[in-house]
Protein backbone atom coordinates (compact mmCIF):
# COMPACT_ATOMS: atom_id res chain seq x y z
CA MET A 1 0.00 0.00 0.00
CA GLU A 2 1.34 3.40 -1.01
CA PRO A 3 1.11 5.96 1.84
CA THR A 4 -1.00 9.06 1.23
CA ILE A 5 0.74 12.39 1.85
CA ASN A 6 -1.50 15.06 3.39
CA PRO A 7 -1.15 18.84 2.75
CA LEU A 8 1.32 19.13 5.65
CA GLY A 9 3.62 16.65 3.95
CA MET A 10 2.99 13.89 6.50
CA SER A 11 1.95 10.35 5.74
CA SER A 12 -1.65 9.75 6.73
CA GLU A 13 -1.62 6.00 6.11
CA ARG A 14 0.81 3.36 7.15
CA PRO A 15 0.55 -0.23 6.05
CA VAL A 16 0.15 -2.62 8.96
CA SER A 17 0.93 -6.26 8.55
CA GLU A 18 -1.74 -8.80 9.38
CA ARG A 19 0.71 -10.23 11.90
CA THR A 20 0.67 -7.10 14.07
CA ARG A 21 -2.88 -5.91 13.45
CA ARG A 22 -5.29 -7.90 15.59
CA GLY A 23 -8.13 -5.75 16.84
CA VAL A 24 -8.87 -2.35 15.39
CA VAL A 25 -12.39 -2.04 16.79
CA VAL A 26 -11.24 -0.54 20.10
CA ALA A 27 -8.48 1.72 18.72
CA GLY A 28 -10.62 4.86 18.96
CA ASP A 29 -11.74 3.95 22.47
CA CYS A 30 -8.14 3.49 23.57
CA PHE A 31 -7.12 6.81 22.02
CA TYR A 32 -9.93 8.64 23.80
CA ALA A 33 -9.16 6.87 27.10
CA GLY A 34 -5.50 7.90 26.86
CA PHE A 35 -6.46 11.47 26.01
CA LEU A 36 -8.85 11.71 28.97
CA ALA A 37 -6.42 9.96 31.32
CA HIS A 38 -3.82 12.62 30.62
CA LEU A 39 -6.28 15.47 31.15
CA ILE A 40 -7.48 13.95 34.43
CA GLU A 41 -3.98 13.21 35.74
CA SER A 42 -2.70 16.67 34.82
CA GLY A 43 -5.59 18.32 36.67
CA SER A 44 -6.83 19.97 33.47
CA LEU A 45 -10.41 18.94 34.18
CA ASP A 46 -10.49 20.16 37.79
CA SER A 47 -11.96 23.53 36.86
CA PRO A 48 -14.90 24.43 34.63
CA ALA A 49 -12.55 26.32 32.27
CA ALA A 50 -11.39 24.64 29.09
CA PRO A 51 -8.01 22.91 29.32
CA ALA A 52 -5.00 24.90 28.13
CA ALA A 53 -3.89 24.26 24.55
CA ASP A 54 -0.60 22.69 25.65
CA GLN A 55 -2.44 20.24 27.92
CA VAL A 56 -4.76 19.30 25.06
CA ALA A 57 -1.74 18.76 22.77
CA GLN A 58 -0.04 16.60 25.40
CA GLY A 59 -3.26 14.64 25.87
CA LEU A 60 -3.50 14.02 22.14
CA ALA A 61 0.12 12.83 22.09
CA PHE A 62 -0.56 10.49 25.01
CA GLY A 63 -3.63 9.10 23.24
CA ASN A 64 -1.40 8.41 20.24
CA ARG A 65 1.01 6.47 22.47
CA VAL A 66 -1.80 4.31 23.86
CA THR A 67 -3.58 3.43 20.61
CA PRO A 68 -0.99 1.12 18.97
CA PHE A 69 -1.24 -1.28 21.89
CA SER A 70 -4.93 -1.85 21.18
CA ILE A 71 -4.39 -3.01 17.60
CA GLN A 72 -1.57 -5.40 18.50
CA ARG A 73 -3.78 -7.44 20.83
CA ALA A 74 -6.87 -9.48 20.25
CA GLY A 75 -10.02 -8.12 21.88
CA CYS A 76 -10.24 -5.12 24.16
CA GLN A 77 -6.91 -5.06 25.95
CA PRO A 78 -5.64 -1.53 26.49
CA PRO A 79 -2.11 -1.17 27.84
CA TRP A 80 -1.19 -0.96 31.51
CA ARG A 81 0.64 2.17 32.66
CA HIS A 82 3.95 0.29 33.07
CA GLU A 83 3.79 -0.74 29.39
CA LEU A 84 3.85 2.84 28.19
């Protein structure tokens, strides 16, 4: 599969071998859980104000770290903290 290059010059698709891709159904759930976990742990959700942009960016990055674990395992098995 040829990767698609988006307007920012970044690849938006990466081929994943069948050997490593097991369960993609929960990938979005794992991303969102990682994003929210970061916001909760950083205290960004303690006030009614919107989280700061840097906290949102860090939360998105953390969600991106969590997601690959979900597609490498069969079923719904998000990573444990010590695996990150």
